[in-house]
Amino acid sequence: MSDELKCPKCASEHVYQDGSLWICPECAHEFNPGEAGANEAEDTVVKDANGNVLADGDSVTVIKDLKVKGSSLVVKGGTKVKGIRLTDGADGHNIACKIDGIGAMNLKSEFVKKA
């Protein structure tokens, strides 16, 4: 096992080498550490709650009421958001958008569906 190498799919530390490939026993992902660009391309796909692939400029609909942190405002389920931008949010918020009446905010893709 390697202390510094992690699975690019599930971030497990319990990977082992089998020939030229590394294998993760937790998610069964096989990868080559030298091909890091190929694994990153798989991870950049952002999907909505129904599994549809999202892209910059898409319109989405919020599927449940979301409380705005640090405020008494609530984004109601069914709110349509136009012109989203995909981001690399480290906290899981991978959609940047502007919602009428609330302003600019970040959303998690698991709480929206493609309109």
PDB file of N, CA and C in Angstrom:
ATOM      1  N   MET A   1       0.838  -1.191   0.000  1.00  0.00           N
ATOM      2  CA  MET A   1       0.000   0.000   0.000  1.00  0.00           C
ATOM      3  C   MET A   1       0.876   1.245   0.000  1.00  0.00           C
ATOM      4  N   SER A   2       0.366   2.276  -0.594  1.00  0.00           N
ATOM      5  CA  SER A   2       1.102   3.528  -0.678  1.00  0.00           C
ATOM      6  C   SER A   2       0.462   4.554   0.244  1.00  0.00           C
ATOM      7  N   ASP A   3       1.282   5.222   1.080  1.00  0.00           N
ATOM      8  CA  ASP A   3       0.753   6.201   2.018  1.00  0.00           C
ATOM      9  C   ASP A   3       0.364   7.505   1.339  1.00  0.00           C
ATOM     10  N   GLU A   4       1.017   7.846   0.233  1.00  0.00           N
ATOM     11  CA  GLU A   4       0.758   9.132  -0.406  1.00  0.00           C
ATOM     12  C   GLU A   4      -0.211   9.041  -1.578  1.00  0.00           C
ATOM     13  N   LEU A   5      -0.462   7.880  -2.131  1.00  0.00           N
ATOM     14  CA  LEU A   5      -1.318   7.714  -3.296  1.00  0.00           C
ATOM     15  C   LEU A   5      -2.745   7.413  -2.859  1.00  0.00           C
ATOM     16  N   LYS A   6      -3.711   8.118  -3.471  1.00  0.00           N
ATOM     17  CA  LYS A   6      -5.125   7.915  -3.151  1.00  0.00           C
ATOM     18  C   LYS A   6      -5.888   7.628  -4.427  1.00  0.00           C
ATOM     19  N   CYS A   7      -7.011   6.969  -4.290  1.00  0.00           N
ATOM     20  CA  CYS A   7      -7.870   6.685  -5.428  1.00  0.00           C
ATOM     21  C   CYS A   7      -8.472   7.995  -5.937  1.00  0.00           C
ATOM     22  N   PRO A   8      -8.376   8.276  -7.241  1.00  0.00           N
ATOM     23  CA  PRO A   8      -8.930   9.521  -7.767  1.00  0.00           C
ATOM     24  C   PRO A   8     -10.454   9.535  -7.805  1.00  0.00           C
ATOM     25  N   LYS A   9     -11.088   8.389  -7.679  1.00  0.00           N
ATOM     26  CA  LYS A   9     -12.548   8.323  -7.746  1.00  0.00           C
ATOM     27  C   LYS A   9     -13.196   8.487  -6.369  1.00  0.00           C
ATOM     28  N   CYS A  10     -12.683   7.787  -5.351  1.00  0.00           N
ATOM     29  CA  CYS A  10     -13.317   7.843  -4.027  1.00  0.00           C
ATOM     30  C   CYS A  10     -12.384   8.369  -2.941  1.00  0.00           C
ATOM     31  N   ALA A  11     -11.145   8.707  -3.265  1.00  0.00           N
ATOM     32  CA  ALA A  11     -10.135   9.252  -2.347  1.00  0.00           C
ATOM     33  C   ALA A  11      -9.735   8.281  -1.242  1.00  0.00           C
ATOM     34  N   SER A  12      -9.903   7.007  -1.480  1.00  0.00           N
ATOM     35  CA  SER A  12      -9.495   6.000  -0.505  1.00  0.00           C
ATOM     36  C   SER A  12      -7.973   5.893  -0.473  1.00  0.00           C
ATOM     37  N   GLU A  13      -7.445   5.661   0.702  1.00  0.00           N
ATOM     38  CA  GLU A  13      -5.996   5.515   0.861  1.00  0.00           C
ATOM     39  C   GLU A  13      -5.556   4.055   0.730  1.00  0.00           C
ATOM     40  N   HIS A  14      -6.497   3.130   0.603  1.00  0.00           N
ATOM     41  CA  HIS A  14      -6.196   1.705   0.595  1.00  0.00           C
ATOM     42  C   HIS A  14      -6.036   1.169  -0.819  1.00  0.00           C
ATOM     43  N   VAL A  15      -5.148   1.761  -1.595  1.00  0.00           N
ATOM     44  CA  VAL A  15      -4.911   1.311  -2.958  1.00  0.00           C
ATOM     45  C   VAL A  15      -3.707   0.379  -2.999  1.00  0.00           C
ATOM     46  N   TYR A  16      -3.708  -0.518  -3.965  1.00  0.00           N
ATOM     47  CA  TYR A  16      -2.564  -1.419  -4.125  1.00  0.00           C
ATOM     48  C   TYR A  16      -2.216  -1.539  -5.593  1.00  0.00           C
ATOM     49  N   GLN A  17      -0.971  -1.919  -5.856  1.00  0.00           N
ATOM     50  CA  GLN A  17      -0.472  -2.003  -7.224  1.00  0.00           C
ATOM     51  C   GLN A  17      -0.626  -3.416  -7.754  1.00  0.00           C
ATOM     52  N   ASP A  18      -1.073  -3.510  -9.014  1.00  0.00           N
ATOM     53  CA  ASP A  18      -1.182  -4.788  -9.704  1.00  0.00           C
ATOM     54  C   ASP A  18      -0.610  -4.591 -11.100  1.00  0.00           C
ATOM     55  N   GLY A  19       0.640  -4.948 -11.276  1.00  0.00           N
ATOM     56  CA  GLY A  19       1.321  -4.707 -12.544  1.00  0.00           C
ATOM     57  C   GLY A  19       1.566  -3.219 -12.727  1.00  0.00           C
ATOM     58  N   SER A  20       1.082  -2.659 -13.824  1.00  0.00           N
ATOM     59  CA  SER A  20       1.287  -1.228 -14.064  1.00  0.00           C
ATOM     60  C   SER A  20       0.113  -0.379 -13.563  1.00  0.00           C
ATOM     61  N   LEU A  21      -0.949  -1.029 -13.107  1.00  0.00           N
ATOM     62  CA  LEU A  21      -2.126  -0.302 -12.627  1.00  0.00           C
ATOM     63  C   LEU A  21      -2.220  -0.324 -11.100  1.00  0.00           C
ATOM     64  N   TRP A  22      -2.904   0.667 -10.562  1.00  0.00           N
ATOM     65  CA  TRP A  22      -3.228   0.715  -9.142  1.00  0.00           C
ATOM     66  C   TRP A  22      -4.715   0.434  -9.021  1.00  0.00           C
ATOM     67  N   ILE A  23      -5.109  -0.319  -7.993  1.00  0.00           N
ATOM     68  CA  ILE A  23      -6.492  -0.737  -7.821  1.00  0.00           C
ATOM     69  C   ILE A  23      -6.995  -0.302  -6.446  1.00  0.00           C
ATOM     70  N   CYS A  24      -8.218   0.215  -6.427  1.00  0.00           N
ATOM     71  CA  CYS A  24      -8.864   0.600  -5.171  1.00  0.00           C
ATOM     72  C   CYS A  24      -9.816  -0.526  -4.768  1.00  0.00           C
ATOM     73  N   PRO A  25      -9.625  -1.142  -3.606  1.00  0.00           N
ATOM     74  CA  PRO A  25     -10.514  -2.230  -3.199  1.00  0.00           C
ATOM     75  C   PRO A  25     -11.900  -1.749  -2.760  1.00  0.00           C
ATOM     76  N   GLU A  26     -12.050  -0.476  -2.464  1.00  0.00           N
ATOM     77  CA  GLU A  26     -13.335   0.030  -1.994  1.00  0.00           C
ATOM     78  C   GLU A  26     -14.312   0.304  -3.127  1.00  0.00           C
ATOM     79  N   CYS A  27     -13.838   0.870  -4.269  1.00  0.00           N
ATOM     80  CA  CYS A  27     -14.744   1.189  -5.383  1.00  0.00           C
ATOM     81  C   CYS A  27     -14.395   0.416  -6.656  1.00  0.00           C
ATOM     82  N   ALA A  28     -13.355  -0.420  -6.611  1.00  0.00           N
ATOM     83  CA  ALA A  28     -12.916  -1.252  -7.741  1.00  0.00           C
ATOM     84  C   ALA A  28     -12.433  -0.428  -8.928  1.00  0.00           C
ATOM     85  N   HIS A  29     -11.986   0.793  -8.681  1.00  0.00           N
ATOM     86  CA  HIS A  29     -11.470   1.653  -9.747  1.00  0.00           C
ATOM     87  C   HIS A  29     -10.015   1.299 -10.013  1.00  0.00           C
ATOM     88  N   GLU A  30      -9.680   1.121 -11.289  1.00  0.00           N
ATOM     89  CA  GLU A  30      -8.300   0.856 -11.702  1.00  0.00           C
ATOM     90  C   GLU A  30      -7.764   2.100 -12.368  1.00  0.00           C
ATOM     91  N   PHE A  31      -6.562   2.522 -12.006  1.00  0.00           N
ATOM     92  CA  PHE A  31      -6.008   3.742 -12.564  1.00  0.00           C
ATOM     93  C   PHE A  31      -4.503   3.661 -12.653  1.00  0.00           C
ATOM     94  N   ASN A  32      -3.954   4.548 -13.501  1.00  0.00           N
ATOM     95  CA  ASN A  32      -2.519   4.675 -13.667  1.00  0.00           C
ATOM     96  C   ASN A  32      -2.149   6.067 -13.162  1.00  0.00           C
ATOM     97  N   PRO A  33      -1.336   6.199 -12.122  1.00  0.00           N
ATOM     98  CA  PRO A  33      -1.020   7.521 -11.575  1.00  0.00           C
ATOM     99  C   PRO A  33      -0.361   8.455 -12.581  1.00  0.00           C
ATOM    100  N   GLY A  34       0.258   7.946 -13.610  1.00  0.00           N
ATOM    101  CA  GLY A  34       0.893   8.777 -14.625  1.00  0.00           C
ATOM    102  C   GLY A  34      -0.105   9.455 -15.551  1.00  0.00           C
ATOM    103  N   GLU A  35      -1.328   8.970 -15.590  1.00  0.00           N
ATOM    104  CA  GLU A  35      -2.376   9.535 -16.431  1.00  0.00           C
ATOM    105  C   GLU A  35      -3.355  10.341 -15.599  1.00  0.00           C
ATOM    106  N   ALA A  36      -2.877  11.283 -14.831  1.00  0.00           N
ATOM    107  CA  ALA A  36      -3.727  12.070 -13.937  1.00  0.00           C
ATOM    108  C   ALA A  36      -4.730  12.914 -14.698  1.00  0.00           C
ATOM    109  N   GLY A  37      -4.403  13.398 -15.877  1.00  0.00           N
ATOM    110  CA  GLY A  37      -5.313  14.229 -16.661  1.00  0.00           C
ATOM    111  C   GLY A  37      -6.565  13.478 -17.086  1.00  0.00           C
ATOM    112  N   ALA A  38      -6.446  12.194 -17.374  1.00  0.00           N
ATOM    113  CA  ALA A  38      -7.613  11.413 -17.792  1.00  0.00           C
ATOM    114  C   ALA A  38      -8.583  11.225 -16.641  1.00  0.00           C
ATOM    115  N   ASN A  39      -8.059  11.025 -15.430  1.00  0.00           N
ATOM    116  CA  ASN A  39      -8.925  10.840 -14.272  1.00  0.00           C
ATOM    117  C   ASN A  39      -9.604  12.140 -13.873  1.00  0.00           C
ATOM    118  N   GLU A  40      -8.942  13.258 -14.028  1.00  0.00           N
ATOM    119  CA  GLU A  40      -9.542  14.540 -13.679  1.00  0.00           C
ATOM    120  C   GLU A  40     -10.675  14.884 -14.624  1.00  0.00           C
ATOM    121  N   ALA A  41     -10.580  14.475 -15.887  1.00  0.00           N
ATOM    122  CA  ALA A  41     -11.635  14.756 -16.848  1.00  0.00           C
ATOM    123  C   ALA A  41     -12.925  14.027 -16.466  1.00  0.00           C
ATOM    124  N   GLU A  42     -12.814  12.832 -15.890  1.00  0.00           N
ATOM    125  CA  GLU A  42     -13.997  12.096 -15.445  1.00  0.00           C
ATOM    126  C   GLU A  42     -14.667  12.813 -14.280  1.00  0.00           C
ATOM    127  N   ASP A  43     -13.902  13.398 -13.388  1.00  0.00           N
ATOM    128  CA  ASP A  43     -14.436  14.014 -12.191  1.00  0.00           C
ATOM    129  C   ASP A  43     -15.074  15.366 -12.450  1.00  0.00           C
ATOM    130  N   THR A  44     -14.805  16.009 -13.587  1.00  0.00           N
ATOM    131  CA  THR A  44     -15.325  17.343 -13.822  1.00  0.00           C
ATOM    132  C   THR A  44     -16.745  17.342 -14.368  1.00  0.00           C
ATOM    133  N   VAL A  45     -17.324  16.192 -14.619  1.00  0.00           N
ATOM    134  CA  VAL A  45     -18.699  16.116 -15.100  1.00  0.00           C
ATOM    135  C   VAL A  45     -19.630  16.405 -13.929  1.00  0.00           C
ATOM    136  N   VAL A  46     -20.504  17.407 -14.119  1.00  0.00           N
ATOM    137  CA  VAL A  46     -21.456  17.784 -13.081  1.00  0.00           C
ATOM    138  C   VAL A  46     -22.836  17.322 -13.519  1.00  0.00           C
ATOM    139  N   LYS A  47     -23.519  16.570 -12.642  1.00  0.00           N
ATOM    140  CA  LYS A  47     -24.835  16.041 -12.967  1.00  0.00           C
ATOM    141  C   LYS A  47     -25.866  16.565 -11.976  1.00  0.00           C
ATOM    142  N   ASP A  48     -27.104  16.707 -12.456  1.00  0.00           N
ATOM    143  CA  ASP A  48     -28.184  17.170 -11.593  1.00  0.00           C
ATOM    144  C   ASP A  48     -28.747  15.998 -10.785  1.00  0.00           C
ATOM    145  N   ALA A  49     -29.840  16.235 -10.062  1.00  0.00           N
ATOM    146  CA  ALA A  49     -30.435  15.214  -9.208  1.00  0.00           C
ATOM    147  C   ALA A  49     -30.943  14.014  -9.999  1.00  0.00           C
ATOM    148  N   ASN A  50     -31.283  14.200 -11.266  1.00  0.00           N
ATOM    149  CA  ASN A  50     -31.792  13.117 -12.103  1.00  0.00           C
ATOM    150  C   ASN A  50     -30.705  12.440 -12.929  1.00  0.00           C
ATOM    151  N   GLY A  51     -29.467  12.903 -12.826  1.00  0.00           N
ATOM    152  CA  GLY A  51     -28.355  12.308 -13.564  1.00  0.00           C
ATOM    153  C   GLY A  51     -28.088  12.942 -14.911  1.00  0.00           C
ATOM    154  N   ASN A  52     -28.752  14.055 -15.231  1.00  0.00           N
ATOM    155  CA  ASN A  52     -28.494  14.758 -16.484  1.00  0.00           C
ATOM    156  C   ASN A  52     -27.224  15.588 -16.354  1.00  0.00           C
ATOM    157  N   VAL A  53     -26.409  15.613 -17.393  1.00  0.00           N
ATOM    158  CA  VAL A  53     -25.160  16.365 -17.388  1.00  0.00           C
ATOM    159  C   VAL A  53     -25.471  17.857 -17.540  1.00  0.00           C
ATOM    160  N   LEU A  54     -24.881  18.684 -16.669  1.00  0.00           N
ATOM    161  CA  LEU A  54     -25.069  20.127 -16.709  1.00  0.00           C
ATOM    162  C   LEU A  54     -23.878  20.794 -17.391  1.00  0.00           C
ATOM    163  N   ALA A  55     -24.142  21.953 -18.014  1.00  0.00           N
ATOM    164  CA  ALA A  55     -23.095  22.726 -18.681  1.00  0.00           C
ATOM    165  C   ALA A  55     -23.300  24.196 -18.354  1.00  0.00           C
ATOM    166  N   ASP A  56     -22.253  25.004 -18.579  1.00  0.00           N
ATOM    167  CA  ASP A  56     -22.360  26.449 -18.371  1.00  0.00           C
ATOM    168  C   ASP A  56     -23.479  27.013 -19.237  1.00  0.00           C
ATOM    169  N   GLY A  57     -24.287  27.914 -18.650  1.00  0.00           N
ATOM    170  CA  GLY A  57     -25.359  28.564 -19.385  1.00  0.00           C
ATOM    171  C   GLY A  57     -26.690  27.845 -19.328  1.00  0.00           C
ATOM    172  N   ASP A  58     -26.730  26.640 -18.765  1.00  0.00           N
ATOM    173  CA  ASP A  58     -27.996  25.903 -18.657  1.00  0.00           C
ATOM    174  C   ASP A  58     -28.945  26.600 -17.694  1.00  0.00           C
ATOM    175  N   SER A  59     -30.215  26.250 -17.805  1.00  0.00           N
ATOM    176  CA  SER A  59     -31.227  26.681 -16.846  1.00  0.00           C
ATOM    177  C   SER A  59     -31.591  25.479 -15.991  1.00  0.00           C
ATOM    178  N   VAL A  60     -31.736  25.699 -14.690  1.00  0.00           N
ATOM    179  CA  VAL A  60     -32.080  24.625 -13.770  1.00  0.00           C
ATOM    180  C   VAL A  60     -33.235  25.057 -12.875  1.00  0.00           C
ATOM    181  N   THR A  61     -33.879  24.084 -12.251  1.00  0.00           N
ATOM    182  CA  THR A  61     -34.959  24.333 -11.314  1.00  0.00           C
ATOM    183  C   THR A  61     -34.572  23.728  -9.972  1.00  0.00           C
ATOM    184  N   VAL A  62     -34.746  24.489  -8.894  1.00  0.00           N
ATOM    185  CA  VAL A  62     -34.453  24.004  -7.544  1.00  0.00           C
ATOM    186  C   VAL A  62     -35.534  22.995  -7.174  1.00  0.00           C
ATOM    187  N   ILE A  63     -35.157  21.824  -6.611  1.00  0.00           N
ATOM    188  CA  ILE A  63     -36.130  20.772  -6.350  1.00  0.00           C
ATOM    189  C   ILE A  63     -36.670  20.766  -4.923  1.00  0.00           C
ATOM    190  N   LYS A  64     -36.060  21.515  -4.006  1.00  0.00           N
ATOM    191  CA  LYS A  64     -36.563  21.570  -2.637  1.00  0.00           C
ATOM    192  C   LYS A  64     -36.228  22.922  -2.028  1.00  0.00           C
ATOM    193  N   ASP A  65     -36.919  23.284  -0.962  1.00  0.00           N
ATOM    194  CA  ASP A  65     -36.638  24.542  -0.289  1.00  0.00           C
ATOM    195  C   ASP A  65     -35.237  24.499   0.306  1.00  0.00           C
ATOM    196  N   LEU A  66     -34.451  25.567   0.056  1.00  0.00           N
ATOM    197  CA  LEU A  66     -33.081  25.650   0.565  1.00  0.00           C
ATOM    198  C   LEU A  66     -32.929  26.903   1.399  1.00  0.00           C
ATOM    199  N   LYS A  67     -32.490  26.742   2.636  1.00  0.00           N
ATOM    200  CA  LYS A  67     -32.235  27.891   3.498  1.00  0.00           C
ATOM    201  C   LYS A  67     -30.916  28.534   3.085  1.00  0.00           C
ATOM    202  N   VAL A  68     -30.888  29.866   3.060  1.00  0.00           N
ATOM    203  CA  VAL A  68     -29.669  30.595   2.722  1.00  0.00           C
ATOM    204  C   VAL A  68     -28.896  30.800   4.013  1.00  0.00           C
ATOM    205  N   LYS A  69     -27.695  30.282   4.061  1.00  0.00           N
ATOM    206  CA  LYS A  69     -26.873  30.349   5.272  1.00  0.00           C
ATOM    207  C   LYS A  69     -26.586  31.797   5.655  1.00  0.00           C
ATOM    208  N   GLY A  70     -26.761  32.125   6.929  1.00  0.00           N
ATOM    209  CA  GLY A  70     -26.476  33.472   7.421  1.00  0.00           C
ATOM    210  C   GLY A  70     -27.579  34.467   7.120  1.00  0.00           C
ATOM    211  N   SER A  71     -28.738  33.976   6.736  1.00  0.00           N
ATOM    212  CA  SER A  71     -29.846  34.848   6.375  1.00  0.00           C
ATOM    213  C   SER A  71     -31.157  34.146   6.707  1.00  0.00           C
ATOM    214  N   SER A  72     -32.235  34.901   6.739  1.00  0.00           N
ATOM    215  CA  SER A  72     -33.547  34.300   6.966  1.00  0.00           C
ATOM    216  C   SER A  72     -34.240  33.985   5.640  1.00  0.00           C
ATOM    217  N   LEU A  73     -33.557  34.197   4.520  1.00  0.00           N
ATOM    218  CA  LEU A  73     -34.129  33.947   3.202  1.00  0.00           C
ATOM    219  C   LEU A  73     -34.171  32.455   2.888  1.00  0.00           C
ATOM    220  N   VAL A  74     -35.144  32.084   2.051  1.00  0.00           N
ATOM    221  CA  VAL A  74     -35.280  30.702   1.617  1.00  0.00           C
ATOM    222  C   VAL A  74     -35.467  30.692   0.102  1.00  0.00           C
ATOM    223  N   VAL A  75     -34.721  29.813  -0.581  1.00  0.00           N
ATOM    224  CA  VAL A  75     -34.922  29.593  -2.008  1.00  0.00           C
ATOM    225  C   VAL A  75     -35.980  28.494  -2.106  1.00  0.00           C
ATOM    226  N   LYS A  76     -37.146  28.835  -2.622  1.00  0.00           N
ATOM    227  CA  LYS A  76     -38.269  27.901  -2.681  1.00  0.00           C
ATOM    228  C   LYS A  76     -38.063  26.847  -3.763  1.00  0.00           C
ATOM    229  N   GLY A  77     -38.562  25.659  -3.508  1.00  0.00           N
ATOM    230  CA  GLY A  77     -38.549  24.604  -4.510  1.00  0.00           C
ATOM    231  C   GLY A  77     -39.359  25.043  -5.716  1.00  0.00           C
ATOM    232  N   GLY A  78     -38.882  24.783  -6.909  1.00  0.00           N
ATOM    233  CA  GLY A  78     -39.557  25.197  -8.125  1.00  0.00           C
ATOM    234  C   GLY A  78     -39.003  26.492  -8.703  1.00  0.00           C
ATOM    235  N   THR A  79     -38.074  27.148  -7.976  1.00  0.00           N
ATOM    236  CA  THR A  79     -37.457  28.373  -8.478  1.00  0.00           C
ATOM    237  C   THR A  79     -36.582  28.047  -9.679  1.00  0.00           C
ATOM    238  N   LYS A  80     -36.798  28.770 -10.784  1.00  0.00           N
ATOM    239  CA  LYS A  80     -36.002  28.547 -11.991  1.00  0.00           C
ATOM    240  C   LYS A  80     -34.803  29.483 -11.977  1.00  0.00           C
ATOM    241  N   VAL A  81     -33.638  28.938 -12.247  1.00  0.00           N
ATOM    242  CA  VAL A  81     -32.385  29.697 -12.275  1.00  0.00           C
ATOM    243  C   VAL A  81     -31.820  29.604 -13.683  1.00  0.00           C
ATOM    244  N   LYS A  82     -31.569  30.758 -14.298  1.00  0.00           N
ATOM    245  CA  LYS A  82     -31.066  30.793 -15.678  1.00  0.00           C
ATOM    246  C   LYS A  82     -29.578  31.132 -15.695  1.00  0.00           C
ATOM    247  N   GLY A  83     -28.878  30.623 -16.675  1.00  0.00           N
ATOM    248  CA  GLY A  83     -27.477  30.994 -16.903  1.00  0.00           C
ATOM    249  C   GLY A  83     -26.534  30.591 -15.786  1.00  0.00           C
ATOM    250  N   ILE A  84     -26.500  29.309 -15.428  1.00  0.00           N
ATOM    251  CA  ILE A  84     -25.608  28.855 -14.367  1.00  0.00           C
ATOM    252  C   ILE A  84     -24.171  28.788 -14.870  1.00  0.00           C
ATOM    253  N   ARG A  85     -23.232  28.813 -13.928  1.00  0.00           N
ATOM    254  CA  ARG A  85     -21.810  28.607 -14.226  1.00  0.00           C
ATOM    255  C   ARG A  85     -21.323  27.472 -13.353  1.00  0.00           C
ATOM    256  N   LEU A  86     -20.593  26.539 -13.923  1.00  0.00           N
ATOM    257  CA  LEU A  86     -20.039  25.426 -13.159  1.00  0.00           C
ATOM    258  C   LEU A  86     -18.717  25.845 -12.547  1.00  0.00           C
ATOM    259  N   THR A  87     -18.535  25.516 -11.278  1.00  0.00           N
ATOM    260  CA  THR A  87     -17.319  25.875 -10.558  1.00  0.00           C
ATOM    261  C   THR A  87     -16.728  24.635  -9.903  1.00  0.00           C
ATOM    262  N   ASP A  88     -15.528  24.769  -9.385  1.00  0.00           N
ATOM    263  CA  ASP A  88     -14.865  23.701  -8.643  1.00  0.00           C
ATOM    264  C   ASP A  88     -14.955  24.012  -7.160  1.00  0.00           C
ATOM    265  N   GLY A  89     -16.126  24.038  -6.602  1.00  0.00           N
ATOM    266  CA  GLY A  89     -16.294  24.350  -5.185  1.00  0.00           C
ATOM    267  C   GLY A  89     -15.775  23.227  -4.320  1.00  0.00           C
ATOM    268  N   ALA A  90     -14.854  23.530  -3.434  1.00  0.00           N
ATOM    269  CA  ALA A  90     -14.281  22.516  -2.556  1.00  0.00           C
ATOM    270  C   ALA A  90     -15.300  22.043  -1.523  1.00  0.00           C
ATOM    271  N   ASP A  91     -16.311  22.857  -1.254  1.00  0.00           N
ATOM    272  CA  ASP A  91     -17.311  22.502  -0.256  1.00  0.00           C
ATOM    273  C   ASP A  91     -18.523  21.802  -0.858  1.00  0.00           C
ATOM    274  N   GLY A  92     -18.442  21.395  -2.121  1.00  0.00           N
ATOM    275  CA  GLY A  92     -19.529  20.690  -2.775  1.00  0.00           C
ATOM    276  C   GLY A  92     -20.477  21.576  -3.553  1.00  0.00           C
ATOM    277  N   HIS A  93     -20.380  22.891  -3.390  1.00  0.00           N
ATOM    278  CA  HIS A  93     -21.218  23.824  -4.127  1.00  0.00           C
ATOM    279  C   HIS A  93     -20.576  24.049  -5.494  1.00  0.00           C
ATOM    280  N   ASN A  94     -21.072  23.340  -6.513  1.00  0.00           N
ATOM    281  CA  ASN A  94     -20.423  23.374  -7.815  1.00  0.00           C
ATOM    282  C   ASN A  94     -21.200  24.152  -8.868  1.00  0.00           C
ATOM    283  N   ILE A  95     -22.209  24.932  -8.459  1.00  0.00           N
ATOM    284  CA  ILE A  95     -22.949  25.784  -9.381  1.00  0.00           C
ATOM    285  C   ILE A  95     -22.965  27.201  -8.830  1.00  0.00           C
ATOM    286  N   ALA A  96     -22.504  28.153  -9.631  1.00  0.00           N
ATOM    287  CA  ALA A  96     -22.584  29.571  -9.268  1.00  0.00           C
ATOM    288  C   ALA A  96     -23.707  30.179 -10.107  1.00  0.00           C
ATOM    289  N   CYS A  97     -24.574  30.971  -9.443  1.00  0.00           N
ATOM    290  CA  CYS A  97     -25.717  31.522 -10.163  1.00  0.00           C
ATOM    291  C   CYS A  97     -26.206  32.797  -9.473  1.00  0.00           C
ATOM    292  N   LYS A  98     -27.174  33.443 -10.115  1.00  0.00           N
ATOM    293  CA  LYS A  98     -27.819  34.617  -9.550  1.00  0.00           C
ATOM    294  C   LYS A  98     -29.312  34.332  -9.524  1.00  0.00           C
ATOM    295  N   ILE A  99     -29.911  34.428  -8.336  1.00  0.00           N
ATOM    296  CA  ILE A  99     -31.328  34.150  -8.167  1.00  0.00           C
ATOM    297  C   ILE A  99     -32.048  35.460  -7.908  1.00  0.00           C
ATOM    298  N   ASP A 100     -33.111  35.713  -8.687  1.00  0.00           N
ATOM    299  CA  ASP A 100     -33.882  36.941  -8.528  1.00  0.00           C
ATOM    300  C   ASP A 100     -34.438  37.042  -7.104  1.00  0.00           C
ATOM    301  N   GLY A 101     -34.259  38.220  -6.483  1.00  0.00           N
ATOM    302  CA  GLY A 101     -34.743  38.458  -5.138  1.00  0.00           C
ATOM    303  C   GLY A 101     -33.776  38.051  -4.045  1.00  0.00           C
ATOM    304  N   ILE A 102     -32.765  37.274  -4.393  1.00  0.00           N
ATOM    305  CA  ILE A 102     -31.782  36.821  -3.393  1.00  0.00           C
ATOM    306  C   ILE A 102     -30.395  37.308  -3.747  1.00  0.00           C
ATOM    307  N   GLY A 103     -29.990  37.156  -5.002  1.00  0.00           N
ATOM    308  CA  GLY A 103     -28.674  37.602  -5.451  1.00  0.00           C
ATOM    309  C   GLY A 103     -27.781  36.440  -5.834  1.00  0.00           C
ATOM    310  N   ALA A 104     -26.495  36.724  -5.886  1.00  0.00           N
ATOM    311  CA  ALA A 104     -25.510  35.721  -6.293  1.00  0.00           C
ATOM    312  C   ALA A 104     -25.314  34.704  -5.179  1.00  0.00           C
ATOM    313  N   MET A 105     -25.266  33.447  -5.548  1.00  0.00           N
ATOM    314  CA  MET A 105     -25.029  32.386  -4.568  1.00  0.00           C
ATOM    315  C   MET A 105     -24.526  31.132  -5.262  1.00  0.00           C
ATOM    316  N   ASN A 106     -24.110  30.175  -4.461  1.00  0.00           N
ATOM    317  CA  ASN A 106     -23.633  28.889  -4.959  1.00  0.00           C
ATOM    318  C   ASN A 106     -24.612  27.807  -4.537  1.00  0.00           C
ATOM    319  N   LEU A 107     -24.811  26.830  -5.419  1.00  0.00           N
ATOM    320  CA  LEU A 107     -25.723  25.723  -5.149  1.00  0.00           C
ATOM    321  C   LEU A 107     -25.003  24.392  -5.360  1.00  0.00           C
ATOM    322  N   LYS A 108     -25.524  23.357  -4.734  1.00  0.00           N
ATOM    323  CA  LYS A 108     -25.046  22.005  -4.987  1.00  0.00           C
ATOM    324  C   LYS A 108     -25.894  21.413  -6.102  1.00  0.00           C
ATOM    325  N   SER A 109     -25.262  20.686  -7.005  1.00  0.00           N
ATOM    326  CA  SER A 109     -25.981  20.140  -8.156  1.00  0.00           C
ATOM    327  C   SER A 109     -27.003  19.077  -7.744  1.00  0.00           C
ATOM    328  N   GLU A 110     -26.870  18.511  -6.575  1.00  0.00           N
ATOM    329  CA  GLU A 110     -27.810  17.480  -6.135  1.00  0.00           C
ATOM    330  C   GLU A 110     -29.178  18.037  -5.769  1.00  0.00           C
ATOM    331  N   PHE A 111     -29.297  19.372  -5.674  1.00  0.00           N
ATOM    332  CA  PHE A 111     -30.574  20.009  -5.317  1.00  0.00           C
ATOM    333  C   PHE A 111     -31.235  20.710  -6.488  1.00  0.00           C
ATOM    334  N   VAL A 112     -30.789  20.448  -7.705  1.00  0.00           N
ATOM    335  CA  VAL A 112     -31.386  21.069  -8.891  1.00  0.00           C
ATOM    336  C   VAL A 112     -31.652  20.005  -9.941  1.00  0.00           C
ATOM    337  N   LYS A 113     -32.573  20.337 -10.859  1.00  0.00           N
ATOM    338  CA  LYS A 113     -32.787  19.495 -12.033  1.00  0.00           C
ATOM    339  C   LYS A 113     -32.756  20.387 -13.265  1.00  0.00           C
ATOM    340  N   LYS A 114     -32.309  19.819 -14.360  1.00  0.00           N
ATOM    341  CA  LYS A 114     -32.183  20.573 -15.602  1.00  0.00           C
ATOM    342  C   LYS A 114     -33.565  20.974 -16.104  1.00  0.00           C
ATOM    343  N   ALA A 115     -33.703  22.246 -16.477  1.00  0.00           N
ATOM    344  CA  ALA A 115     -35.018  22.735 -16.941  1.00  0.00           C
ATOM    345  C   ALA A 115     -35.174  22.544 -18.433  1.00  0.00           C
TER     346      ALA A 115
END
